Amino acid sequence: TPGRALLGVRSLPVTDAKRRDLRLPSALGAMVVQVTPGSPADTAGLRVDDVIVAVDAKVVNRPGDLTAAVLAAGPGKEIQVSYYREG
């Protein structure tokens, strides 16, 4: 059976405090709260507290959108992730 697409992050909705810290225009996105060691996200350099706002130019409004975008890409496919980070 084919594998399942996996980014390797756990995410939650963006908190108001994080939105203010990053000067985000809204609380939309998926805030990374865990990165699985050795996962594609880890290899790509994603970090806890990054806020993912798009996958392959599709807006991520909430964590479910992130999951859906990764699954839609399929296993072994490279995706482009847009995110905010401190600074």
PDB file of N, CA and C in Angstrom:
ATOM      1  N   THR A   1       0.842  -1.190   0.000  1.00  0.00           N
ATOM      2  CA  THR A   1       0.000   0.000   0.000  1.00  0.00           C
ATOM      3  C   THR A   1       0.877   1.240   0.000  1.00  0.00           C
ATOM      4  N   PRO A   2       0.448   2.278  -0.682  1.00  0.00           N
ATOM      5  CA  PRO A   2       1.246   3.500  -0.704  1.00  0.00           C
ATOM      6  C   PRO A   2       1.267   4.162   0.663  1.00  0.00           C
ATOM      7  N   GLY A   3       2.343   4.892   0.934  1.00  0.00           N
ATOM      8  CA  GLY A   3       2.461   5.598   2.198  1.00  0.00           C
ATOM      9  C   GLY A   3       1.539   6.797   2.251  1.00  0.00           C
ATOM     10  N   ARG A   4       1.499   7.393   3.416  1.00  0.00           N
ATOM     11  CA  ARG A   4       0.671   8.573   3.629  1.00  0.00           C
ATOM     12  C   ARG A   4       1.571   9.800   3.658  1.00  0.00           C
ATOM     13  N   ALA A   5       1.104  10.899   3.094  1.00  0.00           N
ATOM     14  CA  ALA A   5       1.865  12.145   3.111  1.00  0.00           C
ATOM     15  C   ALA A   5       2.045  12.618   4.547  1.00  0.00           C
ATOM     16  N   LEU A   6       3.234  13.117   4.853  1.00  0.00           N
ATOM     17  CA  LEU A   6       3.549  13.531   6.217  1.00  0.00           C
ATOM     18  C   LEU A   6       4.495  14.719   6.180  1.00  0.00           C
ATOM     19  N   LEU A   7       4.154  15.772   6.902  1.00  0.00           N
ATOM     20  CA  LEU A   7       5.054  16.908   7.056  1.00  0.00           C
ATOM     21  C   LEU A   7       5.894  16.744   8.311  1.00  0.00           C
ATOM     22  N   GLY A   8       5.249  16.293   9.386  1.00  0.00           N
ATOM     23  CA  GLY A   8       5.979  16.057  10.629  1.00  0.00           C
ATOM     24  C   GLY A   8       5.887  17.197  11.623  1.00  0.00           C
ATOM     25  N   VAL A   9       4.741  17.878  11.634  1.00  0.00           N
ATOM     26  CA  VAL A   9       4.512  18.913  12.642  1.00  0.00           C
ATOM     27  C   VAL A   9       3.179  18.659  13.317  1.00  0.00           C
ATOM     28  N   ARG A  10       3.072  19.139  14.526  1.00  0.00           N
ATOM     29  CA  ARG A  10       1.789  19.239  15.207  1.00  0.00           C
ATOM     30  C   ARG A  10       1.512  20.717  15.291  1.00  0.00           C
ATOM     31  N   SER A  11       0.290  21.136  14.988  1.00  0.00           N
ATOM     32  CA  SER A  11      -0.009  22.567  14.988  1.00  0.00           C
ATOM     33  C   SER A  11      -1.315  22.852  15.697  1.00  0.00           C
ATOM     34  N   LEU A  12      -1.443  24.094  16.141  1.00  0.00           N
ATOM     35  CA  LEU A  12      -2.638  24.587  16.808  1.00  0.00           C
ATOM     36  C   LEU A  12      -3.021  25.920  16.183  1.00  0.00           C
ATOM     37  N   PRO A  13      -4.237  26.396  16.450  1.00  0.00           N
ATOM     38  CA  PRO A  13      -4.593  27.732  15.969  1.00  0.00           C
ATOM     39  C   PRO A  13      -3.635  28.786  16.535  1.00  0.00           C
ATOM     40  N   VAL A  14      -3.485  29.874  15.808  1.00  0.00           N
ATOM     41  CA  VAL A  14      -2.595  30.958  16.219  1.00  0.00           C
ATOM     42  C   VAL A  14      -3.223  31.702  17.399  1.00  0.00           C
ATOM     43  N   THR A  15      -2.437  31.903  18.442  1.00  0.00           N
ATOM     44  CA  THR A  15      -2.922  32.649  19.598  1.00  0.00           C
ATOM     45  C   THR A  15      -2.848  34.150  19.325  1.00  0.00           C
ATOM     46  N   ASP A  16      -3.642  34.916  20.037  1.00  0.00           N
ATOM     47  CA  ASP A  16      -3.589  36.374  19.885  1.00  0.00           C
ATOM     48  C   ASP A  16      -2.206  36.907  20.237  1.00  0.00           C
ATOM     49  N   ALA A  17      -1.574  36.326  21.254  1.00  0.00           N
ATOM     50  CA  ALA A  17      -0.232  36.771  21.653  1.00  0.00           C
ATOM     51  C   ALA A  17       0.776  36.547  20.522  1.00  0.00           C
ATOM     52  N   LYS A  18       0.717  35.401  19.875  1.00  0.00           N
ATOM     53  CA  LYS A  18       1.635  35.103  18.764  1.00  0.00           C
ATOM     54  C   LYS A  18       1.346  36.029  17.590  1.00  0.00           C
ATOM     55  N   ARG A  19       0.079  36.277  17.326  1.00  0.00           N
ATOM     56  CA  ARG A  19      -0.297  37.188  16.246  1.00  0.00           C
ATOM     57  C   ARG A  19       0.311  38.568  16.491  1.00  0.00           C
ATOM     58  N   ARG A  20       0.236  39.053  17.720  1.00  0.00           N
ATOM     59  CA  ARG A  20       0.828  40.363  18.055  1.00  0.00           C
ATOM     60  C   ARG A  20       2.354  40.326  17.961  1.00  0.00           C
ATOM     61  N   ASP A  21       2.961  39.274  18.488  1.00  0.00           N
ATOM     62  CA  ASP A  21       4.431  39.150  18.461  1.00  0.00           C
ATOM     63  C   ASP A  21       4.971  39.197  17.041  1.00  0.00           C
ATOM     64  N   LEU A  22       4.312  38.530  16.118  1.00  0.00           N
ATOM     65  CA  LEU A  22       4.782  38.453  14.733  1.00  0.00           C
ATOM     66  C   LEU A  22       4.188  39.545  13.849  1.00  0.00           C
ATOM     67  N   ARG A  23       3.342  40.378  14.451  1.00  0.00           N
ATOM     68  CA  ARG A  23       2.663  41.450  13.707  1.00  0.00           C
ATOM     69  C   ARG A  23       1.892  40.883  12.512  1.00  0.00           C
ATOM     70  N   LEU A  24       1.219  39.766  12.743  1.00  0.00           N
ATOM     71  CA  LEU A  24       0.405  39.151  11.692  1.00  0.00           C
ATOM     72  C   LEU A  24      -0.869  39.961  11.505  1.00  0.00           C
ATOM     73  N   PRO A  25      -1.371  40.045  10.287  1.00  0.00           N
ATOM     74  CA  PRO A  25      -2.589  40.810  10.039  1.00  0.00           C
ATOM     75  C   PRO A  25      -3.834  40.170  10.654  1.00  0.00           C
ATOM     76  N   SER A  26      -3.778  38.885  10.948  1.00  0.00           N
ATOM     77  CA  SER A  26      -4.909  38.192  11.561  1.00  0.00           C
ATOM     78  C   SER A  26      -4.374  36.977  12.311  1.00  0.00           C
ATOM     79  N   ALA A  27      -5.269  36.293  12.982  1.00  0.00           N
ATOM     80  CA  ALA A  27      -4.872  35.097  13.727  1.00  0.00           C
ATOM     81  C   ALA A  27      -5.006  33.844  12.867  1.00  0.00           C
ATOM     82  N   LEU A  28      -4.967  34.002  11.554  1.00  0.00           N
ATOM     83  CA  LEU A  28      -5.080  32.853  10.670  1.00  0.00           C
ATOM     84  C   LEU A  28      -3.734  32.157  10.531  1.00  0.00           C
ATOM     85  N   GLY A  29      -3.770  30.881  10.229  1.00  0.00           N
ATOM     86  CA  GLY A  29      -2.552  30.102  10.055  1.00  0.00           C
ATOM     87  C   GLY A  29      -2.535  28.924  11.007  1.00  0.00           C
ATOM     88  N   ALA A  30      -1.435  28.209  11.009  1.00  0.00           N
ATOM     89  CA  ALA A  30      -1.249  27.053  11.881  1.00  0.00           C
ATOM     90  C   ALA A  30       0.067  27.240  12.628  1.00  0.00           C
ATOM     91  N   MET A  31      -0.013  27.393  13.950  1.00  0.00           N
ATOM     92  CA  MET A  31       1.183  27.599  14.765  1.00  0.00           C
ATOM     93  C   MET A  31       1.805  26.245  15.099  1.00  0.00           C
ATOM     94  N   VAL A  32       3.067  26.072  14.729  1.00  0.00           N
ATOM     95  CA  VAL A  32       3.773  24.818  14.970  1.00  0.00           C
ATOM     96  C   VAL A  32       4.081  24.704  16.463  1.00  0.00           C
ATOM     97  N   VAL A  33       3.625  23.607  17.070  1.00  0.00           N
ATOM     98  CA  VAL A  33       3.884  23.366  18.487  1.00  0.00           C
ATOM     99  C   VAL A  33       4.801  22.168  18.706  1.00  0.00           C
ATOM    100  N   GLN A  34       5.033  21.393  17.641  1.00  0.00           N
ATOM    101  CA  GLN A  34       5.950  20.250  17.737  1.00  0.00           C
ATOM    102  C   GLN A  34       6.463  19.918  16.345  1.00  0.00           C
ATOM    103  N   VAL A  35       7.753  19.616  16.258  1.00  0.00           N
ATOM    104  CA  VAL A  35       8.366  19.161  15.010  1.00  0.00           C
ATOM    105  C   VAL A  35       8.967  17.785  15.287  1.00  0.00           C
ATOM    106  N   THR A  36       8.574  16.799  14.510  1.00  0.00           N
ATOM    107  CA  THR A  36       9.066  15.441  14.688  1.00  0.00           C
ATOM    108  C   THR A  36      10.511  15.342  14.192  1.00  0.00           C
ATOM    109  N   PRO A  37      11.443  14.914  15.070  1.00  0.00           N
ATOM    110  CA  PRO A  37      12.834  14.774  14.647  1.00  0.00           C
ATOM    111  C   PRO A  37      12.962  13.856  13.435  1.00  0.00           C
ATOM    112  N   GLY A  38      13.744  14.290  12.454  1.00  0.00           N
ATOM    113  CA  GLY A  38      13.980  13.499  11.255  1.00  0.00           C
ATOM    114  C   GLY A  38      12.885  13.580  10.207  1.00  0.00           C
ATOM    115  N   SER A  39      11.826  14.326  10.495  1.00  0.00           N
ATOM    116  CA  SER A  39      10.705  14.452   9.553  1.00  0.00           C
ATOM    117  C   SER A  39      11.057  15.435   8.435  1.00  0.00           C
ATOM    118  N   PRO A  40      10.247  15.465   7.376  1.00  0.00           N
ATOM    119  CA  PRO A  40      10.481  16.465   6.335  1.00  0.00           C
ATOM    120  C   PRO A  40      10.477  17.900   6.887  1.00  0.00           C
ATOM    121  N   ALA A  41       9.604  18.187   7.846  1.00  0.00           N
ATOM    122  CA  ALA A  41       9.566  19.529   8.447  1.00  0.00           C
ATOM    123  C   ALA A  41      10.875  19.840   9.165  1.00  0.00           C
ATOM    124  N   ASP A  42      11.401  18.865   9.883  1.00  0.00           N
ATOM    125  CA  ASP A  42      12.674  19.035  10.599  1.00  0.00           C
ATOM    126  C   ASP A  42      13.810  19.260   9.603  1.00  0.00           C
ATOM    127  N   THR A  43      13.854  18.444   8.571  1.00  0.00           N
ATOM    128  CA  THR A  43      14.881  18.571   7.534  1.00  0.00           C
ATOM    129  C   THR A  43      14.813  19.937   6.853  1.00  0.00           C
ATOM    130  N   ALA A  44      13.596  20.452   6.660  1.00  0.00           N
ATOM    131  CA  ALA A  44      13.406  21.745   6.002  1.00  0.00           C
ATOM    132  C   ALA A  44      13.691  22.920   6.924  1.00  0.00           C
ATOM    133  N   GLY A  45      13.833  22.660   8.226  1.00  0.00           N
ATOM    134  CA  GLY A  45      14.170  23.733   9.160  1.00  0.00           C
ATOM    135  C   GLY A  45      12.995  24.396   9.845  1.00  0.00           C
ATOM    136  N   LEU A  46      11.805  23.823   9.745  1.00  0.00           N
ATOM    137  CA  LEU A  46      10.683  24.392  10.487  1.00  0.00           C
ATOM    138  C   LEU A  46      10.935  24.244  11.979  1.00  0.00           C
ATOM    139  N   ARG A  47      10.440  25.213  12.739  1.00  0.00           N
ATOM    140  CA  ARG A  47      10.679  25.236  14.184  1.00  0.00           C
ATOM    141  C   ARG A  47       9.378  25.459  14.937  1.00  0.00           C
ATOM    142  N   VAL A  48       9.380  25.060  16.206  1.00  0.00           N
ATOM    143  CA  VAL A  48       8.270  25.366  17.096  1.00  0.00           C
ATOM    144  C   VAL A  48       8.088  26.882  17.120  1.00  0.00           C
ATOM    145  N   ASP A  49       6.846  27.320  17.101  1.00  0.00           N
ATOM    146  CA  ASP A  49       6.410  28.723  17.089  1.00  0.00           C
ATOM    147  C   ASP A  49       6.391  29.343  15.694  1.00  0.00           C
ATOM    148  N   ASP A  50       6.864  28.641  14.647  1.00  0.00           N
ATOM    149  CA  ASP A  50       6.647  29.144  13.294  1.00  0.00           C
ATOM    150  C   ASP A  50       5.138  29.122  13.043  1.00  0.00           C
ATOM    151  N   VAL A  51       4.659  30.070  12.242  1.00  0.00           N
ATOM    152  CA  VAL A  51       3.246  30.109  11.881  1.00  0.00           C
ATOM    153  C   VAL A  51       3.143  29.871  10.375  1.00  0.00           C
ATOM    154  N   ILE A  52       2.611  28.712  10.013  1.00  0.00           N
ATOM    155  CA  ILE A  52       2.462  28.345   8.600  1.00  0.00           C
ATOM    156  C   ILE A  52       1.205  29.028   8.065  1.00  0.00           C
ATOM    157  N   VAL A  53       1.384  29.787   6.978  1.00  0.00           N
ATOM    158  CA  VAL A  53       0.269  30.556   6.423  1.00  0.00           C
ATOM    159  C   VAL A  53      -0.127  30.106   5.013  1.00  0.00           C
ATOM    160  N   ALA A  54       0.696  29.281   4.362  1.00  0.00           N
ATOM    161  CA  ALA A  54       0.351  28.790   3.032  1.00  0.00           C
ATOM    162  C   ALA A  54       1.139  27.529   2.704  1.00  0.00           C
ATOM    163  N   VAL A  55       0.534  26.686   1.882  1.00  0.00           N
ATOM    164  CA  VAL A  55       1.190  25.502   1.322  1.00  0.00           C
ATOM    165  C   VAL A  55       0.928  25.531  -0.175  1.00  0.00           C
ATOM    166  N   ASP A  56       2.003  25.538  -0.933  1.00  0.00           N
ATOM    167  CA  ASP A  56       1.887  25.626  -2.393  1.00  0.00           C
ATOM    168  C   ASP A  56       0.965  26.775  -2.813  1.00  0.00           C
ATOM    169  N   ALA A  57       1.157  27.923  -2.179  1.00  0.00           N
ATOM    170  CA  ALA A  57       0.418  29.167  -2.463  1.00  0.00           C
ATOM    171  C   ALA A  57      -1.058  29.102  -2.076  1.00  0.00           C
ATOM    172  N   LYS A  58      -1.494  28.040  -1.402  1.00  0.00           N
ATOM    173  CA  LYS A  58      -2.866  27.965  -0.905  1.00  0.00           C
ATOM    174  C   LYS A  58      -2.868  28.401   0.554  1.00  0.00           C
ATOM    175  N   VAL A  59      -3.738  29.350   0.870  1.00  0.00           N
ATOM    176  CA  VAL A  59      -3.787  29.919   2.215  1.00  0.00           C
ATOM    177  C   VAL A  59      -4.155  28.855   3.243  1.00  0.00           C
ATOM    178  N   VAL A  60      -3.444  28.898   4.372  1.00  0.00           N
ATOM    179  CA  VAL A  60      -3.739  28.045   5.517  1.00  0.00           C
ATOM    180  C   VAL A  60      -4.406  28.934   6.567  1.00  0.00           C
ATOM    181  N   ASN A  61      -5.709  28.761   6.752  1.00  0.00           N
ATOM    182  CA  ASN A  61      -6.448  29.557   7.726  1.00  0.00           C
ATOM    183  C   ASN A  61      -6.413  28.959   9.125  1.00  0.00           C
ATOM    184  N   ARG A  62      -6.235  27.644   9.187  1.00  0.00           N
ATOM    185  CA  ARG A  62      -6.260  26.939  10.477  1.00  0.00           C
ATOM    186  C   ARG A  62      -5.500  25.619  10.313  1.00  0.00           C
ATOM    187  N   PRO A  63      -5.205  24.945  11.415  1.00  0.00           N
ATOM    188  CA  PRO A  63      -4.437  23.697  11.323  1.00  0.00           C
ATOM    189  C   PRO A  63      -5.038  22.650  10.387  1.00  0.00           C
ATOM    190  N   GLY A  64      -6.353  22.543  10.309  1.00  0.00           N
ATOM    191  CA  GLY A  64      -6.973  21.565   9.419  1.00  0.00           C
ATOM    192  C   GLY A  64      -6.639  21.811   7.954  1.00  0.00           C
ATOM    193  N   ASP A  65      -6.483  23.081   7.599  1.00  0.00           N
ATOM    194  CA  ASP A  65      -6.097  23.411   6.220  1.00  0.00           C
ATOM    195  C   ASP A  65      -4.693  22.907   5.912  1.00  0.00           C
ATOM    196  N   LEU A  66      -3.807  22.984   6.894  1.00  0.00           N
ATOM    197  CA  LEU A  66      -2.439  22.493   6.723  1.00  0.00           C
ATOM    198  C   LEU A  66      -2.462  20.985   6.475  1.00  0.00           C
ATOM    199  N   THR A  67      -3.187  20.279   7.303  1.00  0.00           N
ATOM    200  CA  THR A  67      -3.295  18.827   7.150  1.00  0.00           C
ATOM    201  C   THR A  67      -3.856  18.462   5.780  1.00  0.00           C
ATOM    202  N   ALA A  68      -4.924  19.138   5.379  1.00  0.00           N
ATOM    203  CA  ALA A  68      -5.557  18.848   4.093  1.00  0.00           C
ATOM    204  C   ALA A  68      -4.595  19.101   2.932  1.00  0.00           C
ATOM    205  N   ALA A  69      -3.826  20.179   3.004  1.00  0.00           N
ATOM    206  CA  ALA A  69      -2.896  20.513   1.916  1.00  0.00           C
ATOM    207  C   ALA A  69      -1.780  19.479   1.806  1.00  0.00           C
ATOM    208  N   VAL A  70      -1.272  19.024   2.929  1.00  0.00           N
ATOM    209  CA  VAL A  70      -0.201  18.020   2.912  1.00  0.00           C
ATOM    210  C   VAL A  70      -0.735  16.700   2.366  1.00  0.00           C
ATOM    211  N   LEU A  71      -1.903  16.292   2.814  1.00  0.00           N
ATOM    212  CA  LEU A  71      -2.485  15.047   2.334  1.00  0.00           C
ATOM    213  C   LEU A  71      -2.815  15.126   0.848  1.00  0.00           C
ATOM    214  N   ALA A  72      -3.285  16.277   0.384  1.00  0.00           N
ATOM    215  CA  ALA A  72      -3.622  16.445  -1.026  1.00  0.00           C
ATOM    216  C   ALA A  72      -2.385  16.352  -1.915  1.00  0.00           C
ATOM    217  N   ALA A  73      -1.242  16.787  -1.395  1.00  0.00           N
ATOM    218  CA  ALA A  73      -0.002  16.729  -2.179  1.00  0.00           C
ATOM    219  C   ALA A  73       0.416  15.284  -2.425  1.00  0.00           C
ATOM    220  N   GLY A  74       0.181  14.437  -1.460  1.00  0.00           N
ATOM    221  CA  GLY A  74       0.514  13.030  -1.604  1.00  0.00           C
ATOM    222  C   GLY A  74       1.900  12.698  -1.087  1.00  0.00           C
ATOM    223  N   PRO A  75       2.146  11.431  -0.807  1.00  0.00           N
ATOM    224  CA  PRO A  75       3.423  10.986  -0.254  1.00  0.00           C
ATOM    225  C   PRO A  75       4.572  11.206  -1.232  1.00  0.00           C
ATOM    226  N   GLY A  76       5.685  11.648  -0.695  1.00  0.00           N
ATOM    227  CA  GLY A  76       6.898  11.819  -1.493  1.00  0.00           C
ATOM    228  C   GLY A  76       6.934  13.068  -2.343  1.00  0.00           C
ATOM    229  N   LYS A  77       5.903  13.877  -2.289  1.00  0.00           N
ATOM    230  CA  LYS A  77       5.858  15.106  -3.094  1.00  0.00           C
ATOM    231  C   LYS A  77       6.469  16.265  -2.320  1.00  0.00           C
ATOM    232  N   GLU A  78       7.234  17.082  -3.005  1.00  0.00           N
ATOM    233  CA  GLU A  78       7.806  18.276  -2.401  1.00  0.00           C
ATOM    234  C   GLU A  78       6.762  19.382  -2.426  1.00  0.00           C
ATOM    235  N   ILE A  79       6.627  20.091  -1.306  1.00  0.00           N
ATOM    236  CA  ILE A  79       5.677  21.196  -1.225  1.00  0.00           C
ATOM    237  C   ILE A  79       6.422  22.454  -0.787  1.00  0.00           C
ATOM    238  N   GLN A  80       5.841  23.594  -1.096  1.00  0.00           N
ATOM    239  CA  GLN A  80       6.396  24.872  -0.663  1.00  0.00           C
ATOM    240  C   GLN A  80       5.560  25.361   0.514  1.00  0.00           C
ATOM    241  N   VAL A  81       6.216  25.619   1.629  1.00  0.00           N
ATOM    242  CA  VAL A  81       5.542  26.066   2.841  1.00  0.00           C
ATOM    243  C   VAL A  81       5.952  27.506   3.117  1.00  0.00           C
ATOM    244  N   SER A  82       4.956  28.384   3.248  1.00  0.00           N
ATOM    245  CA  SER A  82       5.215  29.788   3.594  1.00  0.00           C
ATOM    246  C   SER A  82       4.877  29.967   5.069  1.00  0.00           C
ATOM    247  N   TYR A  83       5.750  30.638   5.795  1.00  0.00           N
ATOM    248  CA  TYR A  83       5.546  30.785   7.233  1.00  0.00           C
ATOM    249  C   TYR A  83       6.161  32.064   7.752  1.00  0.00           C
ATOM    250  N   TYR A  84       5.713  32.459   8.937  1.00  0.00           N
ATOM    251  CA  TYR A  84       6.297  33.582   9.674  1.00  0.00           C
ATOM    252  C   TYR A  84       7.133  33.008  10.801  1.00  0.00           C
ATOM    253  N   ARG A  85       8.213  33.703  11.094  1.00  0.00           N
ATOM    254  CA  ARG A  85       9.098  33.326  12.205  1.00  0.00           C
ATOM    255  C   ARG A  85       9.511  34.602  12.901  1.00  0.00           C
ATOM    256  N   GLU A  86       9.893  34.502  14.148  1.00  0.00           N
ATOM    257  CA  GLU A  86      10.358  35.680  14.881  1.00  0.00           C
ATOM    258  C   GLU A  86      11.330  36.467  14.011  1.00  0.00           C
ATOM    259  N   GLY A  87      11.141  37.781  14.010  1.00  0.00           N
ATOM    260  CA  GLY A  87      12.044  38.633  13.218  1.00  0.00           C
ATOM    261  C   GLY A  87      11.709  38.590  11.765  1.00  0.00           C
TER     262      GLY A  87
END
